[in-house]
Amino acid sequence: MNTIFTKRTAARIYFLLILAIAPLYMTKGFRRILTDKATIVWISIVVGMALFFLLAVKELVIAVKGHSIKEVIKKDREKKNIKKPIDLLVLLFGGVCLVSSLYSEYTYEALTGAGAWYVGGAMLASLAIMYFITSEKREDDIVPFFGMMLGGTITMIIALLNDLWIDPLGALATVDVNWKNHYTSTIGNSNQFCGYLSIVIPIMVIIFITSENGFKKTAAAIVLFFGYLNMFLTHADSIYIGVGIGYIFIIAFCLKKTDRWMGLLINGVLFGVAGFAAKVIILYRPEIKLDTVSPVLLAHNVHLIVGGLCFVLLLLQMALELKFKKEDIEKLMGYMFWLYLILVIVLAICVIVYAVKNYDMNFLNRRGLLWYIAASTFWDNELMQQLIGIGPGCIDEISRDYYFEIVEAYGDFYFLENAHNDVLEYLLTTGIIGALSYLGIYLCVIVDFVKNVIKNTEVRGVRLYAMIGIIGYIAQSIMNGPHPLTTAMFFVLLAIYRSTLDES
C-alpha cells in the first residue's frame, strides 16, 4: 500500500465527503432530499471506516513482524486511551444513543430515525465512532476547509438562483408552487439551509479575519458575499439567530487584537455590499418572497447602516494607529472587551426574561408547541425513560398524544419530525444522560474558546475554525432540530478540533 495513503489522508477524505460533497449531493430533486442527505452521510461513514480498517490491517501486518500480536494490540490500546473530557462525553453520548434505541418501544424508528429526518441512534453512534477514529493528533490541515469553501460557494449560488425562481437542477419541478419557498439549493428545507449557513458563515468570517494568506482571505470573502446575500434573501428567519449568536463570540474574539478588529470591520463593509446587492435584486424581481425579518432590515437600510458604520470605524481605527502606539490601542480595546461582555450578559438576561414572559404555543413560529410537547412528555415519562430517553428521533411517535394542540396551532394534524431544539430533542429522546453529555460537549468547546479569548491566547488555524464552526452549530441548534448534514458536520468539526488539542 502506498505510503501516501496515511491516516491523515483517510481522515481528509472523510472530512471532505461531509464538508464539501454532502451539501451538494442530491438525486431526484427535493422529492428525496432527506433520504439523499442521510444516504451521503452513511456513504461517508462507510468509506471512512473502510479506509481506516485497511490502514489498521496494514499497520498490524507491519507491527507484528518481530512482535507478538498480543504486544501490538496492547500498545495500540494504550495509544487509544481517552485523554480528554470531551472524549468521555462523546463516548457517553454515542453509547446512550445506541442503548436508548435498543431499549426503545420503537426500536426500528429509533435506530433509523425514519420519523425524524433519519438522524437515528445508529447514525449518531456511528458519527461518534468516526470522531474517535479521525481525531488523532495531526498537523494543521486546511484542505477540509477549502473543500467547505468550494462546496459552500456552489450551494449558495444555487440557492441564489432558486431565490430568483431559476431552477438549474430541476429540483423544484415537482414541488407545489405554494411550498417552493420552503426548499432551496441542494440542502432542501430552508431551515436546514439556514443551519448550514450558520456553520459556514462564522468559519469564513474567522478565516477572513485571521488569515495572512491572500488566497484564503479572497476565497473566504467570496463565500461570505454569497452567504450574506442569501441571508437577506432567506425564507427562514432562524438564520439571523444562528449567525447573530455566532457573531457575539466573533466580536469578543476580535476585540482582543487590533488586526482582528480591522478584519471584522472590512467584513462588515462586505455585509453592507451584499445587502445593497440584495436590495437591487429585489427591486428588479419584486415577486421574490422573503420571510419576516429581511424586508424589515432592507426597508430600514440596516445593511447600509452596518456597512457605513464599519467603514467609519475602519477609518477611525486607521487614524488611531497613526497617532497612538499599538499597545495603547489594544489597552483601550481591552476595556471595550469587558464593557462588551457586560452588555452581552445583560442582553442575554433580557432575552431570556422576554422569552419567558411572552412564551406561548405560537412562540417563534409555533416552536413553542414543539418545545412544550418535548418538555411535558419528558416529565410524564417513567424514570428509566427520563434517564435514557424514548429513543433518538422518536418524538414523531408520541405526537399523536397531542392531536388537539397540534390542530389548534397548525390548523391540521401532522407528525412532528423533531423538537427543533437539540437540547430538548435529546432530553426527551436520549434522556438526562444523553442531554447532559451532549451539553457537556458544547461546554467543553465554549469554555475553551472563552478561556482563550479572556487570556488572549493566540489560537489560530484549523482549531480556531473548528471551534467557531461548532459554536455556529450550537447557535443554529437552538431553532433547528438534528439534520443528517448539519449533525454530521458537527461531529466532523469536533474531530478536527480534538485532533488539534495537546495530548498531555
Protein backbone atom coordinates (compact mmCIF):
# COMPACT_ATOMS: atom_id res chain seq x y z
CA MET A 1 0.00 0.00 0.00
CA ASN A 2 1.34 3.43 -0.97
CA THR A 3 2.94 5.45 1.83
CA ILE A 4 0.87 8.47 0.70
CA PHE A 5 -2.18 6.60 1.99
CA THR A 6 -1.96 7.57 5.66
CA LYS A 7 -4.38 8.24 8.49
CA ARG A 8 -4.27 11.91 7.60
CA THR A 9 -5.31 11.12 4.02
CA ALA A 10 -8.11 8.82 5.19
CA ALA A 11 -9.41 11.44 7.63
CA ARG A 12 -9.16 14.11 4.95
CA ILE A 13 -11.29 12.04 2.55
CA TYR A 14 -13.95 11.56 5.23
CA PHE A 15 -13.93 15.24 6.17
CA LEU A 16 -14.21 16.33 2.53
CA LEU A 17 -17.12 13.96 1.92
CA ILE A 18 -19.04 15.58 4.79
CA LEU A 19 -17.96 19.22 4.41
CA ALA A 20 -17.80 19.54 0.61
CA ILE A 21 -19.71 16.70 -1.10
CA ALA A 22 -22.63 16.10 1.28
CA PRO A 23 -24.09 19.64 0.90
CA LEU A 24 -24.21 19.18 -2.89
CA TYR A 25 -25.44 15.59 -3.08
CA MET A 26 -28.98 15.06 -4.38
CA THR A 27 -30.54 12.58 -6.81
CA LYS A 28 -34.18 13.37 -7.56
CA GLY A 29 -34.50 16.97 -6.53
CA PHE A 30 -36.43 17.68 -3.35
CA ARG A 31 -38.58 14.56 -3.66
CA ARG A 32 -35.88 12.52 -1.89
CA ILE A 33 -33.70 15.22 -0.39
CA LEU A 34 -33.83 13.99 3.23
CA THR A 35 -33.15 10.41 2.17
CA ASP A 36 -30.29 11.66 -0.03
CA LYS A 37 -28.65 13.57 2.83
CA ALA A 38 -28.87 10.53 5.09
CA THR A 39 -27.51 8.33 2.28
CA ILE A 40 -24.45 10.52 1.61
CA VAL A 41 -23.70 10.71 5.35
CA TRP A 42 -23.82 6.91 5.56
CA ILE A 43 -21.65 6.60 2.43
CA SER A 44 -19.12 8.94 4.07
CA ILE A 45 -19.14 6.90 7.28
CA VAL A 46 -18.71 3.59 5.42
CA VAL A 47 -15.91 4.98 3.22
CA GLY A 48 -14.16 6.46 6.25
CA MET A 49 -14.41 3.27 8.28
CA ALA A 50 -13.23 1.15 5.34
CA LEU A 51 -10.17 3.34 4.78
CA PHE A 52 -9.19 3.23 8.43
CA PHE A 53 -9.80 -0.52 8.55
CA LEU A 54 -7.38 -1.01 5.63
CA LEU A 55 -4.81 1.18 7.39
CA ALA A 56 -5.26 -0.78 10.62
CA VAL A 57 -4.64 -4.05 8.77
CA LYS A 58 -1.56 -2.57 7.10
CA GLU A 59 -0.17 -1.30 10.41
CA LEU A 60 -0.91 -4.60 12.11
CA VAL A 61 0.96 -6.56 9.42
CA ILE A 62 3.98 -4.25 9.71
CA ALA A 63 3.90 -4.20 13.52
CA VAL A 64 3.69 -7.96 14.08
CA LYS A 65 6.96 -8.54 12.30
CA GLY A 66 9.22 -9.42 15.20
CA HIS A 67 6.49 -8.89 17.81
CA SER A 68 3.64 -10.93 19.16
CA ILE A 69 0.08 -9.88 18.21
CA LYS A 70 -0.69 -9.55 21.92
CA GLU A 71 2.04 -6.88 22.36
CA VAL A 72 0.86 -4.96 19.29
CA ILE A 73 -2.77 -4.89 20.48
CA LYS A 74 -1.63 -3.80 23.97
CA LYS A 75 0.40 -0.89 22.57
CA ASP A 76 -2.44 0.17 20.28
CA ARG A 77 -4.89 0.05 23.17
CA GLU A 78 -2.61 2.26 25.31
CA LYS A 79 -2.33 4.73 22.43
CA LYS A 80 -6.13 4.93 22.09
CA ASN A 81 -6.81 5.83 25.71
CA ILE A 82 -9.42 8.53 26.28
CA LYS A 83 -7.37 11.54 27.32
CA LYS A 84 -9.77 14.49 27.29
CA PRO A 85 -13.14 15.17 28.96
CA ILE A 86 -14.68 15.76 25.54
CA ASP A 87 -13.74 12.18 24.57
CA LEU A 88 -15.64 10.76 27.51
CA LEU A 89 -18.67 12.93 26.73
CA VAL A 90 -18.76 11.90 23.06
CA LEU A 91 -18.37 8.25 24.09
CA LEU A 92 -21.19 8.59 26.63
CA PHE A 93 -23.49 10.36 24.16
CA GLY A 94 -22.87 7.83 21.38
CA GLY A 95 -23.34 4.96 23.82
CA VAL A 96 -26.61 6.22 25.28
CA CYS A 97 -27.98 6.86 21.77
CA LEU A 98 -27.39 3.19 20.96
CA VAL A 99 -28.66 1.84 24.30
CA SER A 100 -31.72 4.10 24.14
CA SER A 101 -32.51 2.83 20.64
CA LEU A 102 -32.21 -0.82 21.63
CA TYR A 103 -34.41 -0.40 24.72
CA SER A 104 -36.91 1.87 22.98
CA GLU A 105 -40.52 0.89 22.44
CA TYR A 106 -39.90 1.95 18.84
CA THR A 107 -36.56 0.23 18.19
CA TYR A 108 -36.65 0.39 14.39
CA GLU A 109 -37.68 4.06 14.31
CA ALA A 110 -35.09 4.93 16.98
CA LEU A 111 -32.21 3.20 15.19
CA THR A 112 -33.05 4.50 11.71
CA GLY A 113 -34.54 7.88 12.59
CA ALA A 114 -37.20 7.12 9.97
CA GLY A 115 -39.65 9.55 11.59
CA ALA A 116 -37.13 12.32 12.28
CA TRP A 117 -35.05 13.19 9.22
CA TYR A 118 -33.08 9.91 9.57
CA VAL A 119 -30.91 11.07 12.47
CA GLY A 120 -31.38 7.89 14.48
CA GLY A 121 -29.35 6.09 17.10
CA ALA A 122 -27.32 4.15 14.52
CA MET A 123 -26.19 7.32 12.74
CA LEU A 124 -25.37 9.19 15.96
CA ALA A 125 -23.39 6.24 17.34
CA SER A 126 -21.54 5.83 14.03
CA LEU A 127 -20.66 9.53 13.90
CA ALA A 128 -19.32 9.23 17.46
CA ILE A 129 -17.18 6.25 16.38
CA MET A 130 -15.86 8.27 13.42
CA TYR A 131 -14.99 11.05 15.86
CA PHE A 132 -12.63 8.69 17.71
CA ILE A 133 -11.23 7.18 14.52
CA THR A 134 -10.42 10.52 12.86
CA SER A 135 -9.50 12.73 15.82
CA GLU A 136 -5.93 11.55 16.39
CA LYS A 137 -3.38 14.33 16.74
CA ARG A 138 -2.08 15.54 13.38
CA GLU A 139 -0.68 18.72 11.84
CA ASP A 140 -2.86 21.62 10.72
CA ASP A 141 -4.87 20.60 7.67
CA ILE A 142 -6.68 23.41 5.86
CA VAL A 143 -7.81 21.18 2.96
CA PRO A 144 -11.21 20.23 4.50
CA PHE A 145 -11.99 23.92 4.92
CA PHE A 146 -11.01 24.64 1.32
CA GLY A 147 -13.47 21.89 0.41
CA MET A 148 -16.09 23.64 2.53
CA MET A 149 -15.38 26.89 0.67
CA LEU A 150 -15.91 25.27 -2.73
CA GLY A 151 -18.97 23.25 -1.74
CA GLY A 152 -20.44 26.21 0.14
CA THR A 153 -20.00 28.61 -2.78
CA ILE A 154 -21.76 26.26 -5.20
CA THR A 155 -24.53 25.58 -2.68
CA MET A 156 -25.12 29.29 -2.11
CA ILE A 157 -25.06 30.19 -5.82
CA ILE A 158 -27.74 27.56 -6.49
CA ALA A 159 -29.75 28.95 -3.55
CA LEU A 160 -29.46 32.44 -5.02
CA LEU A 161 -30.73 31.16 -8.38
CA ASN A 162 -33.63 29.46 -6.60
CA ASP A 163 -34.43 32.79 -4.91
CA LEU A 164 -34.67 34.29 -8.43
CA TRP A 165 -37.06 31.45 -9.39
CA ILE A 166 -34.35 29.91 -11.55
CA ASP A 167 -34.09 26.15 -11.09
CA PRO A 168 -30.92 24.86 -12.84
CA LEU A 169 -31.17 21.39 -11.26
CA GLY A 170 -34.90 20.95 -11.79
CA ALA A 171 -35.23 20.33 -8.06
CA LEU A 172 -38.38 22.45 -7.73
CA ALA A 173 -40.14 20.97 -10.76
CA THR A 174 -42.37 18.64 -8.73
CA VAL A 175 -42.85 20.95 -5.73
CA ASP A 176 -46.21 22.66 -5.25
CA VAL A 177 -45.91 26.39 -6.02
CA ASN A 178 -47.13 27.25 -2.50
CA TRP A 179 -44.28 25.23 -0.97
CA LYS A 180 -41.40 26.35 -3.19
CA ASN A 181 -40.17 28.85 -0.62
CA HIS A 182 -39.71 26.00 1.86
CA TYR A 183 -36.95 24.41 -0.25
CA THR A 184 -33.72 25.84 -1.55
CA SER A 185 -30.36 24.97 -3.11
CA THR A 186 -29.12 21.39 -2.73
CA ILE A 187 -29.87 21.36 1.01
CA GLY A 188 -33.67 21.20 0.84
CA ASN A 189 -35.60 22.50 3.84
CA SER A 190 -34.96 26.25 4.17
CA ASN A 191 -34.46 25.94 7.95
CA GLN A 192 -31.69 23.41 7.32
CA PHE A 193 -30.14 25.71 4.72
CA CYS A 194 -30.08 28.36 7.45
CA GLY A 195 -28.50 25.85 9.81
CA TYR A 196 -25.84 25.12 7.20
CA LEU A 197 -25.10 28.83 6.68
CA SER A 198 -24.95 29.35 10.46
CA ILE A 199 -21.98 26.96 10.49
CA VAL A 200 -20.27 28.07 7.28
CA ILE A 201 -20.53 31.86 7.67
CA PRO A 202 -18.80 32.09 11.12
CA ILE A 203 -15.98 29.83 9.87
CA MET A 204 -15.45 32.02 6.80
CA VAL A 205 -15.50 35.18 8.95
CA ILE A 206 -12.74 33.78 11.17
CA ILE A 207 -10.67 32.66 8.15
CA PHE A 208 -11.08 36.11 6.61
CA ILE A 209 -10.15 37.90 9.86
CA THR A 210 -7.16 35.82 10.95
CA SER A 211 -5.56 34.60 7.72
CA GLU A 212 -2.47 36.31 6.34
CA ASN A 213 -2.73 34.32 3.12
CA GLY A 214 -4.26 36.35 0.29
CA PHE A 215 -5.85 33.36 -1.44
CA LYS A 216 -7.56 32.17 1.76
CA LYS A 217 -8.87 35.68 2.50
CA THR A 218 -10.21 36.10 -1.03
CA ALA A 219 -11.84 32.67 -1.07
CA ALA A 220 -13.46 33.33 2.32
CA ALA A 221 -14.70 36.74 1.10
CA ILE A 222 -16.38 35.13 -1.92
CA VAL A 223 -18.17 32.59 0.27
CA LEU A 224 -19.17 35.35 2.69
CA PHE A 225 -20.61 37.56 -0.04
CA PHE A 226 -22.91 34.79 -1.26
CA GLY A 227 -23.66 33.81 2.34
CA TYR A 228 -24.73 37.33 3.31
CA LEU A 229 -26.71 37.68 0.09
CA ASN A 230 -28.62 34.52 0.97
CA MET A 231 -29.17 35.85 4.48
CA PHE A 232 -31.05 38.83 3.07
CA LEU A 233 -32.97 36.66 0.59
CA THR A 234 -33.72 33.93 3.11
CA HIS A 235 -37.09 32.27 3.58
CA ALA A 236 -36.33 31.30 7.18
CA ASP A 237 -35.54 33.92 9.80
CA SER A 238 -33.72 31.47 12.08
CA ILE A 239 -30.54 32.28 10.13
CA TYR A 240 -30.35 35.68 11.84
CA ILE A 241 -30.44 33.97 15.24
CA GLY A 242 -27.80 31.39 14.31
CA VAL A 243 -25.37 33.78 12.62
CA GLY A 244 -26.11 36.51 15.18
CA ILE A 245 -25.17 34.32 18.15
CA GLY A 246 -22.04 33.21 16.30
CA TYR A 247 -21.11 36.86 15.82
CA ILE A 248 -21.39 37.52 19.57
CA PHE A 249 -18.41 35.19 20.06
CA ILE A 250 -16.56 36.51 16.99
CA ILE A 251 -16.78 40.15 18.13
CA ALA A 252 -15.41 39.21 21.56
CA PHE A 253 -12.53 37.41 19.84
CA CYS A 254 -11.79 40.43 17.63
CA LEU A 255 -11.78 42.95 20.49
CA LYS A 256 -8.61 41.36 21.87
CA LYS A 257 -6.39 42.25 18.87
CA THR A 258 -6.34 45.33 16.64
CA ASP A 259 -5.58 43.38 13.46
CA ARG A 260 -8.58 41.13 14.09
CA TRP A 261 -10.76 44.19 14.66
CA MET A 262 -9.69 45.68 11.31
CA GLY A 263 -10.60 42.43 9.56
CA LEU A 264 -14.01 42.38 11.25
CA LEU A 265 -14.75 45.94 10.10
CA ILE A 266 -13.85 45.09 6.50
CA ASN A 267 -16.14 42.09 6.83
CA GLY A 268 -18.91 44.45 8.00
CA VAL A 269 -18.45 46.54 4.85
CA LEU A 270 -18.79 43.34 2.81
CA PHE A 271 -22.07 42.65 4.65
CA GLY A 272 -23.32 46.09 3.63
CA VAL A 273 -22.37 45.50 -0.02
CA ALA A 274 -24.21 42.16 -0.02
CA GLY A 275 -27.30 43.85 1.45
CA PHE A 276 -27.19 46.51 -1.25
CA ALA A 277 -26.93 43.78 -3.91
CA ALA A 278 -29.95 42.02 -2.36
CA LYS A 279 -31.95 45.25 -2.48
CA VAL A 280 -31.11 45.73 -6.18
CA ILE A 281 -32.15 42.13 -6.91
CA ILE A 282 -35.48 42.63 -5.12
CA LEU A 283 -36.03 45.91 -6.96
CA TYR A 284 -35.91 44.12 -10.31
CA ARG A 285 -37.53 40.89 -9.05
CA PRO A 286 -40.25 42.09 -6.64
CA GLU A 287 -42.01 38.69 -6.85
CA ILE A 288 -39.30 37.18 -4.63
CA LYS A 289 -40.96 36.13 -1.36
CA LEU A 290 -38.99 36.81 1.79
CA ASP A 291 -39.68 35.90 5.39
CA THR A 292 -40.45 38.45 8.11
CA VAL A 293 -37.08 39.87 9.17
CA SER A 294 -35.30 40.54 5.85
CA PRO A 295 -37.91 43.01 4.48
CA VAL A 296 -37.76 44.98 7.75
CA LEU A 297 -33.95 45.16 7.65
CA LEU A 298 -33.85 46.15 3.99
CA ALA A 299 -36.68 48.68 4.37
CA HIS A 300 -34.73 50.43 7.14
CA ASN A 301 -31.43 50.17 5.22
CA VAL A 302 -29.79 48.24 8.05
CA HIS A 303 -27.21 46.93 5.57
CA LEU A 304 -26.12 50.49 4.75
CA ILE A 305 -26.08 51.46 8.44
CA VAL A 306 -23.91 48.45 9.37
CA GLY A 307 -21.66 48.81 6.31
CA GLY A 308 -21.35 52.59 6.72
CA LEU A 309 -20.65 52.36 10.46
CA CYS A 310 -17.98 49.72 9.87
CA PHE A 311 -16.39 51.90 7.19
CA VAL A 312 -16.31 54.93 9.55
CA LEU A 313 -14.85 52.82 12.37
CA LEU A 314 -12.29 51.46 9.91
CA LEU A 315 -11.16 55.00 9.08
CA LEU A 316 -11.12 55.87 12.79
CA GLN A 317 -9.03 52.78 13.53
CA MET A 318 -6.52 53.76 10.85
CA ALA A 319 -6.33 57.31 12.26
CA LEU A 320 -5.77 56.00 15.79
CA GLU A 321 -2.99 53.71 14.61
CA LEU A 322 -1.23 56.69 13.05
CA LYS A 323 -1.46 58.73 16.25
CA PHE A 324 -1.11 56.16 19.04
CA LYS A 325 1.00 53.13 19.76
CA LYS A 326 -0.49 49.71 19.07
CA GLU A 327 -0.18 48.78 22.77
CA ASP A 328 -2.26 51.81 23.80
CA ILE A 329 -4.98 50.97 21.28
CA GLU A 330 -5.12 47.36 22.44
CA LYS A 331 -5.36 48.56 26.05
CA LEU A 332 -8.36 50.70 25.07
CA MET A 333 -9.90 47.73 23.24
CA GLY A 334 -9.35 45.64 26.38
CA TYR A 335 -11.66 48.00 28.28
CA MET A 336 -14.13 47.78 25.41
CA PHE A 337 -13.99 43.99 25.64
CA TRP A 338 -15.10 43.95 29.29
CA LEU A 339 -17.81 46.53 28.58
CA TYR A 340 -18.96 44.37 25.66
CA LEU A 341 -19.01 41.27 27.88
CA ILE A 342 -21.22 43.02 30.45
CA LEU A 343 -23.59 44.21 27.69
CA VAL A 344 -23.84 40.67 26.26
CA ILE A 345 -24.67 39.22 29.69
CA VAL A 346 -27.33 41.89 30.28
CA LEU A 347 -28.74 41.31 26.78
CA ALA A 348 -28.85 37.54 27.34
CA ILE A 349 -30.77 38.02 30.60
CA CYS A 350 -33.21 40.40 28.88
CA VAL A 351 -33.80 37.93 26.04
CA ILE A 352 -34.45 35.08 28.49
CA VAL A 353 -36.88 37.21 30.54
CA TYR A 354 -38.66 38.36 27.38
CA ALA A 355 -38.90 34.79 26.05
CA VAL A 356 -40.35 33.50 29.34
CA LYS A 357 -42.87 36.34 29.64
CA ASN A 358 -44.03 36.05 26.02
CA TYR A 359 -43.92 32.28 25.68
CA ASP A 360 -46.95 30.59 24.17
CA MET A 361 -47.70 27.79 21.71
CA ASN A 362 -47.07 30.10 18.74
CA PHE A 363 -43.74 31.37 20.10
CA LEU A 364 -41.08 31.63 17.35
CA ASN A 365 -43.26 30.32 14.54
CA ARG A 366 -45.02 27.69 16.68
CA ARG A 367 -41.82 26.29 18.12
CA GLY A 368 -43.41 26.95 21.48
CA LEU A 369 -45.71 23.99 20.84
CA LEU A 370 -42.85 21.68 19.84
CA TRP A 371 -40.85 22.62 22.93
CA TYR A 372 -43.90 22.24 25.15
CA ILE A 373 -44.57 18.72 23.82
CA ALA A 374 -40.93 17.68 24.32
CA ALA A 375 -40.67 19.08 27.86
CA SER A 376 -44.08 17.91 29.11
CA THR A 377 -43.62 14.41 27.66
CA PHE A 378 -40.23 14.14 29.36
CA TRP A 379 -41.75 14.98 32.76
CA ASP A 380 -44.57 12.48 32.23
CA ASN A 381 -42.21 9.62 31.35
CA GLU A 382 -41.13 6.86 33.72
CA LEU A 383 -37.76 7.09 35.47
CA MET A 384 -35.91 4.82 33.01
CA GLN A 385 -37.19 6.82 30.04
CA GLN A 386 -36.17 10.03 31.78
CA LEU A 387 -32.67 8.61 32.21
CA ILE A 388 -32.06 7.14 28.71
CA GLY A 389 -34.96 8.55 26.70
CA ILE A 390 -37.61 7.11 24.40
CA GLY A 391 -35.14 6.57 21.55
CA PRO A 392 -33.45 9.05 19.14
CA GLY A 393 -35.85 10.55 16.62
CA CYS A 394 -39.00 9.23 18.27
CA ILE A 395 -40.81 12.50 19.02
CA ASP A 396 -42.88 11.70 15.96
CA GLU A 397 -44.20 8.58 17.68
CA ILE A 398 -45.69 10.48 20.63
CA SER A 399 -47.03 13.46 18.67
CA ARG A 400 -50.45 11.81 18.24
CA ASP A 401 -50.95 12.23 22.01
CA TYR A 402 -51.10 15.99 21.36
CA TYR A 403 -53.56 15.87 18.48
CA PHE A 404 -55.74 18.77 19.65
CA GLU A 405 -52.81 21.08 20.48
CA ILE A 406 -51.27 20.44 17.05
CA VAL A 407 -54.55 21.08 15.21
CA GLU A 408 -55.09 24.28 17.20
CA ALA A 409 -51.60 25.58 16.33
CA TYR A 410 -51.31 24.37 12.73
CA GLY A 411 -54.89 24.05 11.61
CA ASP A 412 -54.37 20.39 10.66
CA PHE A 413 -52.74 17.38 12.25
CA TYR A 414 -49.25 16.39 11.18
CA PHE A 415 -46.46 14.41 12.75
CA LEU A 416 -43.56 16.18 14.45
CA GLU A 417 -40.18 15.33 12.95
CA ASN A 418 -38.26 16.70 15.95
CA ALA A 419 -38.30 19.34 18.65
CA HIS A 420 -36.45 21.99 16.59
CA ASN A 421 -34.09 22.38 19.55
CA ASP A 422 -31.24 19.92 20.00
CA VAL A 423 -31.12 20.01 23.80
CA LEU A 424 -34.88 19.41 24.21
CA GLU A 425 -34.73 16.84 21.42
CA TYR A 426 -32.05 14.80 23.17
CA LEU A 427 -33.54 15.36 26.63
CA LEU A 428 -36.68 13.52 25.53
CA THR A 429 -35.12 11.01 23.13
CA THR A 430 -31.85 10.14 24.95
CA GLY A 431 -32.82 11.17 28.47
CA ILE A 432 -30.93 13.07 31.13
CA ILE A 433 -27.73 11.10 30.46
CA GLY A 434 -27.76 11.85 26.75
CA ALA A 435 -28.76 15.51 27.14
CA LEU A 436 -26.14 16.21 29.83
CA SER A 437 -23.35 14.52 27.85
CA TYR A 438 -24.42 16.46 24.75
CA LEU A 439 -24.46 19.73 26.71
CA GLY A 440 -21.08 18.81 28.14
CA ILE A 441 -19.63 18.62 24.61
CA TYR A 442 -20.96 22.13 23.97
CA LEU A 443 -19.50 23.42 27.24
CA CYS A 444 -16.05 21.93 26.55
CA VAL A 445 -15.76 23.89 23.32
CA ILE A 446 -17.37 27.11 24.56
CA VAL A 447 -15.32 27.19 27.78
CA ASP A 448 -12.12 26.54 25.81
CA PHE A 449 -12.96 29.35 23.37
CA VAL A 450 -13.94 31.86 26.07
CA LYS A 451 -10.90 30.98 28.21
CA ASN A 452 -8.56 31.57 25.27
CA VAL A 453 -10.27 34.86 24.43
CA ILE A 454 -10.11 36.18 28.00
CA LYS A 455 -6.46 35.11 28.39
CA ASN A 456 -5.78 36.49 24.90
CA THR A 457 -4.12 33.20 23.94
CA GLU A 458 -3.08 33.05 20.30
CA VAL A 459 -5.31 30.33 18.85
CA ARG A 460 -5.04 30.09 15.07
CA GLY A 461 -5.59 27.76 12.16
CA VAL A 462 -7.97 24.83 11.94
CA ARG A 463 -8.51 24.62 15.70
CA LEU A 464 -9.96 28.12 15.68
CA TYR A 465 -12.01 27.43 12.53
CA ALA A 466 -13.43 24.24 14.04
CA MET A 467 -14.23 25.92 17.37
CA ILE A 468 -16.19 28.76 15.79
CA GLY A 469 -17.92 26.32 13.42
CA ILE A 470 -19.06 24.24 16.40
CA ILE A 471 -20.33 27.41 18.10
CA GLY A 472 -22.19 28.23 14.88
CA TYR A 473 -23.78 24.78 15.01
CA ILE A 474 -24.74 25.29 18.65
CA ALA A 475 -26.34 28.63 17.75
CA GLN A 476 -28.47 27.19 14.95
CA SER A 477 -29.42 24.13 17.03
CA ILE A 478 -31.50 26.37 19.29
CA MET A 479 -34.01 26.73 16.44
CA ASN A 480 -33.47 23.73 14.16
CA GLY A 481 -33.52 20.07 15.11
CA PRO A 482 -30.92 17.42 14.21
CA HIS A 483 -30.50 17.01 10.44
CA PRO A 484 -28.20 14.45 8.73
CA LEU A 485 -25.97 17.09 7.10
CA THR A 486 -25.56 19.56 9.97
CA THR A 487 -25.24 16.78 12.59
CA ALA A 488 -22.51 15.10 10.54
CA MET A 489 -20.73 18.46 10.12
CA PHE A 490 -20.87 18.96 13.89
CA PHE A 491 -19.12 15.65 14.59
CA VAL A 492 -16.53 16.31 11.86
CA LEU A 493 -15.72 19.72 13.31
CA LEU A 494 -15.47 18.10 16.75
CA ALA A 495 -12.97 15.59 15.37
CA ILE A 496 -10.92 18.36 13.72
CA TYR A 497 -11.00 20.37 16.95
CA ARG A 498 -9.98 17.34 19.02
CA SER A 499 -7.10 16.50 16.67
CA THR A 500 -5.50 19.87 17.46
CA LEU A 501 -5.57 19.51 21.25
CA ASP A 502 -2.41 18.68 23.16
CA GLU A 503 -2.03 15.06 24.17
CA SER A 504 -0.82 15.95 27.65
